[in-house]
Amino acid sequence: MQRFCLIMMVLCLTATAAGAGEAHVEAVKVSPAGENRYRFEVTVRHADEGWDHYADRFEIVDGDGHVRGTRVLYHPHVDEQPFTRSLDGVSLPPEVTTVTVRAHDSRHGLGGRQMSVPVPLDGPQR
């Protein structure tokens, strides 16, 4: 009986871990797009399950924790994993030299793998 309970416990934990989990940032490309403005191309991976559990946004955050840009993802990407979406016109002052990109999902919120990236030079002000 103890062995059966142990096996059932392992199976339950495995099934829970196999769910969609948190959204993870896999890649980020940053390009200058005008004076102190940037374009972000962000690749997110999340085992979207449908409308009840999917990656629903990503954010660009400066070193002080201020959200500088948000791309809302309006629908699940069940059959497109990982997926890449862009966010144009993110305004960053010259003193911001590194940002963190983090993903959010509709069930767990923030918490998956995030990525810190340098902000490229966009002119003499940097």
N, C-alpha and C. Protein backbone atom coordinates (compact mmCIF):
# COMPACT_ATOMS: atom_id res chain seq x y z
N MET A 1 0.82 -1.19 0.00
CA MET A 1 0.00 0.00 0.00
C MET A 1 0.86 1.26 0.00
N GLN A 2 1.95 1.24 0.79
CA GLN A 2 2.83 2.42 0.82
C GLN A 2 3.44 2.66 -0.55
N ARG A 3 3.82 1.57 -1.22
CA ARG A 3 4.41 1.71 -2.56
C ARG A 3 3.40 2.32 -3.52
N PHE A 4 2.14 1.87 -3.47
CA PHE A 4 1.10 2.41 -4.33
C PHE A 4 0.91 3.91 -4.06
N CYS A 5 0.88 4.33 -2.80
CA CYS A 5 0.72 5.74 -2.45
C CYS A 5 1.89 6.57 -2.97
N LEU A 6 3.09 6.03 -2.85
CA LEU A 6 4.27 6.73 -3.34
C LEU A 6 4.21 6.89 -4.86
N ILE A 7 3.83 5.84 -5.57
CA ILE A 7 3.71 5.90 -7.03
C ILE A 7 2.65 6.92 -7.43
N MET A 8 1.52 6.93 -6.75
CA MET A 8 0.45 7.88 -7.07
C MET A 8 0.90 9.31 -6.81
N MET A 9 1.66 9.53 -5.74
CA MET A 9 2.15 10.86 -5.43
C MET A 9 3.11 11.34 -6.52
N VAL A 10 4.00 10.49 -6.97
CA VAL A 10 4.94 10.84 -8.04
C VAL A 10 4.18 11.15 -9.32
N LEU A 11 3.18 10.34 -9.66
CA LEU A 11 2.39 10.59 -10.87
C LEU A 11 1.65 11.92 -10.79
N CYS A 12 1.11 12.26 -9.64
CA CYS A 12 0.41 13.53 -9.48
C CYS A 12 1.37 14.71 -9.63
N LEU A 13 2.53 14.62 -9.03
CA LEU A 13 3.52 15.69 -9.15
C LEU A 13 3.99 15.84 -10.58
N THR A 14 4.19 14.73 -11.28
CA THR A 14 4.61 14.77 -12.68
C THR A 14 3.54 15.41 -13.54
N ALA A 15 2.29 15.07 -13.31
CA ALA A 15 1.20 15.64 -14.09
C ALA A 15 1.10 17.14 -13.86
N THR A 16 1.30 17.58 -12.62
CA THR A 16 1.26 19.01 -12.32
C THR A 16 2.41 19.73 -13.01
N ALA A 17 3.60 19.17 -12.97
CA ALA A 17 4.76 19.80 -13.59
C ALA A 17 4.64 19.85 -15.10
N ALA A 18 3.88 18.95 -15.69
CA ALA A 18 3.75 18.91 -17.14
C ALA A 18 2.77 19.94 -17.67
N GLY A 19 2.03 20.63 -16.79
CA GLY A 19 1.10 21.65 -17.23
C GLY A 19 1.81 22.81 -17.88
N ALA A 20 1.06 23.82 -18.25
CA ALA A 20 1.62 24.93 -19.01
C ALA A 20 2.69 25.70 -18.24
N GLY A 21 2.58 25.79 -16.94
CA GLY A 21 3.60 26.49 -16.17
C GLY A 21 3.67 27.96 -16.49
N GLU A 22 4.83 28.55 -16.23
CA GLU A 22 5.04 29.98 -16.41
C GLU A 22 5.54 30.29 -17.82
N ALA A 23 5.40 31.54 -18.20
CA ALA A 23 5.89 31.99 -19.51
C ALA A 23 7.36 32.37 -19.39
N HIS A 24 8.16 31.99 -20.39
CA HIS A 24 9.60 32.23 -20.38
C HIS A 24 10.02 33.07 -21.58
N VAL A 25 10.91 34.01 -21.34
CA VAL A 25 11.53 34.78 -22.42
C VAL A 25 12.71 33.97 -22.91
N GLU A 26 12.74 33.68 -24.20
CA GLU A 26 13.83 32.88 -24.78
C GLU A 26 14.84 33.70 -25.56
N ALA A 27 14.42 34.81 -26.14
CA ALA A 27 15.33 35.64 -26.93
C ALA A 27 14.80 37.06 -26.99
N VAL A 28 15.74 38.01 -27.10
CA VAL A 28 15.37 39.42 -27.23
C VAL A 28 16.33 40.08 -28.20
N LYS A 29 15.77 40.83 -29.14
CA LYS A 29 16.57 41.65 -30.04
C LYS A 29 16.11 43.09 -29.87
N VAL A 30 17.07 44.00 -29.62
CA VAL A 30 16.75 45.41 -29.43
C VAL A 30 17.39 46.21 -30.55
N SER A 31 16.60 47.10 -31.18
CA SER A 31 17.10 47.93 -32.27
C SER A 31 16.73 49.38 -32.02
N PRO A 32 17.67 50.31 -32.26
CA PRO A 32 17.31 51.73 -32.17
C PRO A 32 16.22 52.05 -33.20
N ALA A 33 15.29 52.94 -32.81
CA ALA A 33 14.18 53.30 -33.70
C ALA A 33 13.89 54.80 -33.60
N GLY A 34 14.94 55.60 -33.47
CA GLY A 34 14.77 57.04 -33.33
C GLY A 34 15.40 57.48 -32.03
N GLU A 35 15.37 58.77 -31.80
CA GLU A 35 16.03 59.32 -30.61
C GLU A 35 15.42 58.76 -29.33
N ASN A 36 16.23 58.00 -28.61
CA ASN A 36 15.83 57.36 -27.34
C ASN A 36 14.60 56.47 -27.47
N ARG A 37 14.36 55.94 -28.65
CA ARG A 37 13.25 55.01 -28.88
C ARG A 37 13.81 53.70 -29.45
N TYR A 38 13.15 52.59 -29.09
CA TYR A 38 13.67 51.28 -29.45
C TYR A 38 12.56 50.33 -29.86
N ARG A 39 12.95 49.38 -30.68
CA ARG A 39 12.07 48.28 -31.10
C ARG A 39 12.59 47.01 -30.42
N PHE A 40 11.69 46.27 -29.80
CA PHE A 40 12.03 45.01 -29.15
C PHE A 40 11.35 43.87 -29.88
N GLU A 41 12.12 42.87 -30.25
CA GLU A 41 11.57 41.62 -30.78
C GLU A 41 11.82 40.56 -29.71
N VAL A 42 10.75 40.01 -29.18
CA VAL A 42 10.83 39.13 -28.01
C VAL A 42 10.25 37.77 -28.36
N THR A 43 11.02 36.73 -28.04
CA THR A 43 10.55 35.35 -28.24
C THR A 43 10.14 34.79 -26.88
N VAL A 44 8.90 34.32 -26.82
CA VAL A 44 8.32 33.79 -25.59
C VAL A 44 7.96 32.33 -25.81
N ARG A 45 8.18 31.52 -24.78
CA ARG A 45 7.74 30.11 -24.81
C ARG A 45 6.81 29.88 -23.61
N HIS A 46 5.67 29.29 -23.93
CA HIS A 46 4.70 28.94 -22.90
C HIS A 46 3.79 27.87 -23.49
N ALA A 47 3.53 26.84 -22.76
CA ALA A 47 2.67 25.77 -23.26
C ALA A 47 1.21 26.21 -23.14
N ASP A 48 0.84 27.17 -23.98
CA ASP A 48 -0.53 27.70 -23.94
C ASP A 48 -1.53 26.55 -24.05
N GLU A 49 -2.55 26.62 -23.21
CA GLU A 49 -3.58 25.57 -23.18
C GLU A 49 -4.90 26.06 -23.77
N GLY A 50 -5.00 27.32 -24.10
CA GLY A 50 -6.24 27.91 -24.57
C GLY A 50 -6.51 29.19 -23.80
N TRP A 51 -7.74 29.66 -23.88
CA TRP A 51 -8.09 30.95 -23.30
C TRP A 51 -7.95 31.01 -21.79
N ASP A 52 -8.00 29.89 -21.10
CA ASP A 52 -7.89 29.90 -19.64
C ASP A 52 -6.45 29.97 -19.13
N HIS A 53 -5.48 29.67 -20.00
CA HIS A 53 -4.09 29.67 -19.55
C HIS A 53 -3.18 29.88 -20.76
N TYR A 54 -2.71 31.12 -20.91
CA TYR A 54 -1.81 31.44 -22.03
C TYR A 54 -0.91 32.62 -21.67
N ALA A 55 0.19 32.77 -22.39
CA ALA A 55 1.08 33.92 -22.23
C ALA A 55 0.33 35.14 -22.74
N ASP A 56 0.08 36.12 -21.86
CA ASP A 56 -0.77 37.24 -22.24
C ASP A 56 -0.07 38.59 -22.35
N ARG A 57 1.24 38.65 -22.04
CA ARG A 57 1.98 39.90 -22.27
C ARG A 57 3.46 39.71 -21.98
N PHE A 58 4.25 40.67 -22.46
CA PHE A 58 5.62 40.79 -22.00
C PHE A 58 5.90 42.25 -21.69
N GLU A 59 6.90 42.48 -20.84
CA GLU A 59 7.20 43.83 -20.37
C GLU A 59 8.68 44.12 -20.50
N ILE A 60 8.98 45.40 -20.73
CA ILE A 60 10.35 45.91 -20.75
C ILE A 60 10.50 46.72 -19.47
N VAL A 61 11.47 46.35 -18.61
CA VAL A 61 11.61 46.94 -17.29
C VAL A 61 13.02 47.50 -17.14
N ASP A 62 13.14 48.74 -16.62
CA ASP A 62 14.46 49.31 -16.41
C ASP A 62 15.06 48.82 -15.08
N GLY A 63 16.26 49.25 -14.78
CA GLY A 63 16.97 48.79 -13.59
C GLY A 63 16.33 49.20 -12.28
N ASP A 64 15.48 50.23 -12.31
CA ASP A 64 14.78 50.67 -11.11
C ASP A 64 13.42 50.00 -10.94
N GLY A 65 13.10 49.08 -11.86
CA GLY A 65 11.84 48.36 -11.77
C GLY A 65 10.66 49.04 -12.45
N HIS A 66 10.92 50.14 -13.16
CA HIS A 66 9.84 50.83 -13.88
C HIS A 66 9.55 50.11 -15.20
N VAL A 67 8.29 49.84 -15.43
CA VAL A 67 7.89 49.22 -16.70
C VAL A 67 7.92 50.30 -17.77
N ARG A 68 8.77 50.12 -18.78
CA ARG A 68 8.95 51.11 -19.84
C ARG A 68 8.13 50.79 -21.09
N GLY A 69 7.65 49.56 -21.19
CA GLY A 69 6.84 49.16 -22.33
C GLY A 69 6.18 47.83 -22.07
N THR A 70 4.98 47.65 -22.61
CA THR A 70 4.23 46.41 -22.45
C THR A 70 3.60 46.04 -23.79
N ARG A 71 3.76 44.79 -24.18
CA ARG A 71 3.07 44.26 -25.35
C ARG A 71 2.03 43.27 -24.85
N VAL A 72 0.77 43.60 -25.04
CA VAL A 72 -0.32 42.71 -24.66
C VAL A 72 -0.49 41.68 -25.78
N LEU A 73 -0.64 40.43 -25.39
CA LEU A 73 -0.87 39.33 -26.32
C LEU A 73 -2.34 38.94 -26.15
N TYR A 74 -3.13 39.20 -27.17
CA TYR A 74 -4.58 39.13 -27.04
C TYR A 74 -5.20 37.75 -27.23
N HIS A 75 -4.37 36.75 -27.56
CA HIS A 75 -4.93 35.41 -27.78
C HIS A 75 -3.87 34.35 -27.51
N PRO A 76 -4.28 33.11 -27.26
CA PRO A 76 -3.33 32.02 -27.04
C PRO A 76 -2.57 31.69 -28.32
N HIS A 77 -1.38 31.13 -28.14
CA HIS A 77 -0.54 30.68 -29.25
C HIS A 77 -0.29 29.17 -29.08
N VAL A 78 -1.37 28.41 -29.04
CA VAL A 78 -1.31 26.98 -28.75
C VAL A 78 -0.43 26.25 -29.76
N ASP A 79 -0.60 26.55 -31.04
CA ASP A 79 0.13 25.83 -32.09
C ASP A 79 1.33 26.59 -32.62
N GLU A 80 1.77 27.62 -31.91
CA GLU A 80 2.91 28.42 -32.35
C GLU A 80 3.84 28.63 -31.15
N GLN A 81 4.75 27.72 -30.94
CA GLN A 81 5.66 27.79 -29.80
C GLN A 81 7.08 27.48 -30.23
N PRO A 82 8.05 28.24 -29.79
CA PRO A 82 7.86 29.56 -29.20
C PRO A 82 7.37 30.54 -30.26
N PHE A 83 6.98 31.72 -29.84
CA PHE A 83 6.52 32.73 -30.79
C PHE A 83 7.26 34.04 -30.54
N THR A 84 7.40 34.84 -31.58
CA THR A 84 8.11 36.12 -31.49
C THR A 84 7.15 37.23 -31.86
N ARG A 85 7.11 38.26 -31.03
CA ARG A 85 6.31 39.44 -31.29
C ARG A 85 7.17 40.68 -31.02
N SER A 86 6.81 41.78 -31.64
CA SER A 86 7.60 42.99 -31.47
C SER A 86 6.81 44.05 -30.71
N LEU A 87 7.57 44.99 -30.18
CA LEU A 87 7.02 46.16 -29.51
C LEU A 87 7.84 47.35 -29.98
N ASP A 88 7.20 48.28 -30.67
CA ASP A 88 7.87 49.45 -31.22
C ASP A 88 7.70 50.66 -30.31
N GLY A 89 8.65 51.60 -30.45
CA GLY A 89 8.52 52.91 -29.82
C GLY A 89 8.72 52.95 -28.33
N VAL A 90 9.48 52.00 -27.78
CA VAL A 90 9.75 52.01 -26.34
C VAL A 90 10.73 53.14 -26.06
N SER A 91 10.32 54.08 -25.24
CA SER A 91 11.14 55.24 -24.91
C SER A 91 12.02 54.92 -23.70
N LEU A 92 13.33 55.10 -23.88
CA LEU A 92 14.28 54.85 -22.80
C LEU A 92 15.20 56.06 -22.68
N PRO A 93 15.31 56.64 -21.50
CA PRO A 93 16.23 57.76 -21.34
C PRO A 93 17.68 57.28 -21.48
N PRO A 94 18.59 58.20 -21.81
CA PRO A 94 19.99 57.81 -22.05
C PRO A 94 20.65 57.07 -20.88
N GLU A 95 20.22 57.33 -19.66
CA GLU A 95 20.86 56.68 -18.51
C GLU A 95 20.49 55.20 -18.37
N VAL A 96 19.45 54.76 -19.08
CA VAL A 96 19.07 53.34 -19.04
C VAL A 96 19.92 52.60 -20.07
N THR A 97 20.83 51.78 -19.58
CA THR A 97 21.75 51.06 -20.47
C THR A 97 21.46 49.57 -20.54
N THR A 98 20.63 49.07 -19.63
CA THR A 98 20.23 47.67 -19.62
C THR A 98 18.77 47.59 -19.21
N VAL A 99 18.04 46.68 -19.84
CA VAL A 99 16.65 46.44 -19.46
C VAL A 99 16.45 44.95 -19.25
N THR A 100 15.41 44.62 -18.53
CA THR A 100 15.01 43.23 -18.33
C THR A 100 13.68 43.03 -19.04
N VAL A 101 13.58 41.93 -19.77
CA VAL A 101 12.33 41.58 -20.45
C VAL A 101 11.76 40.38 -19.71
N ARG A 102 10.51 40.50 -19.33
CA ARG A 102 9.85 39.43 -18.59
C ARG A 102 8.49 39.14 -19.21
N ALA A 103 8.08 37.88 -19.12
CA ALA A 103 6.80 37.46 -19.69
C ALA A 103 5.81 37.17 -18.56
N HIS A 104 4.55 37.23 -18.92
CA HIS A 104 3.45 37.07 -17.96
C HIS A 104 2.45 36.08 -18.56
N ASP A 105 1.87 35.23 -17.72
CA ASP A 105 0.81 34.37 -18.23
C ASP A 105 -0.45 34.56 -17.39
N SER A 106 -1.57 34.18 -17.96
CA SER A 106 -2.87 34.48 -17.38
C SER A 106 -3.17 33.73 -16.08
N ARG A 107 -2.41 32.70 -15.77
CA ARG A 107 -2.66 31.95 -14.55
C ARG A 107 -1.60 32.21 -13.48
N HIS A 108 -0.33 32.21 -13.86
CA HIS A 108 0.75 32.35 -12.88
C HIS A 108 1.27 33.77 -12.72
N GLY A 109 0.93 34.64 -13.65
CA GLY A 109 1.47 36.00 -13.60
C GLY A 109 2.92 36.00 -14.05
N LEU A 110 3.73 36.84 -13.42
CA LEU A 110 5.16 36.89 -13.71
C LEU A 110 5.86 35.76 -12.96
N GLY A 111 7.04 35.41 -13.38
CA GLY A 111 7.79 34.43 -12.62
C GLY A 111 8.61 33.48 -13.45
N GLY A 112 8.38 33.42 -14.74
CA GLY A 112 9.18 32.56 -15.59
C GLY A 112 10.56 33.16 -15.86
N ARG A 113 11.30 32.52 -16.74
CA ARG A 113 12.64 32.98 -17.09
C ARG A 113 12.57 34.35 -17.76
N GLN A 114 13.35 35.28 -17.27
CA GLN A 114 13.44 36.61 -17.86
C GLN A 114 14.83 36.80 -18.43
N MET A 115 15.02 37.89 -19.18
CA MET A 115 16.30 38.10 -19.83
C MET A 115 16.68 39.57 -19.71
N SER A 116 17.91 39.82 -19.26
CA SER A 116 18.45 41.18 -19.22
C SER A 116 19.32 41.38 -20.45
N VAL A 117 19.12 42.53 -21.12
CA VAL A 117 19.84 42.83 -22.37
C VAL A 117 20.33 44.26 -22.35
N PRO A 118 21.48 44.51 -23.00
CA PRO A 118 21.97 45.89 -23.11
C PRO A 118 21.14 46.68 -24.11
N VAL A 119 21.02 47.97 -23.87
CA VAL A 119 20.36 48.87 -24.80
C VAL A 119 21.43 49.36 -25.76
N PRO A 120 21.25 49.17 -27.07
CA PRO A 120 22.29 49.59 -28.02
C PRO A 120 22.38 51.11 -28.13
N LEU A 121 23.54 51.58 -28.52
CA LEU A 121 23.72 53.01 -28.74
C LEU A 121 22.82 53.45 -29.88
N ASP A 122 22.20 54.63 -29.73
CA ASP A 122 21.37 55.13 -30.83
C ASP A 122 21.80 56.52 -31.26
N GLY A 123 22.98 56.93 -30.86
CA GLY A 123 23.47 58.23 -31.26
C GLY A 123 24.43 58.78 -30.23
N PRO A 124 24.84 60.04 -30.38
CA PRO A 124 25.85 60.61 -29.50
C PRO A 124 25.41 60.78 -28.05
N GLN A 125 24.10 60.78 -27.80
CA GLN A 125 23.64 60.97 -26.42
C GLN A 125 23.90 59.78 -25.53
N ARG A 126 24.19 58.61 -26.07
CA ARG A 126 24.44 57.43 -25.23
C ARG A 126 25.90 57.23 -24.99
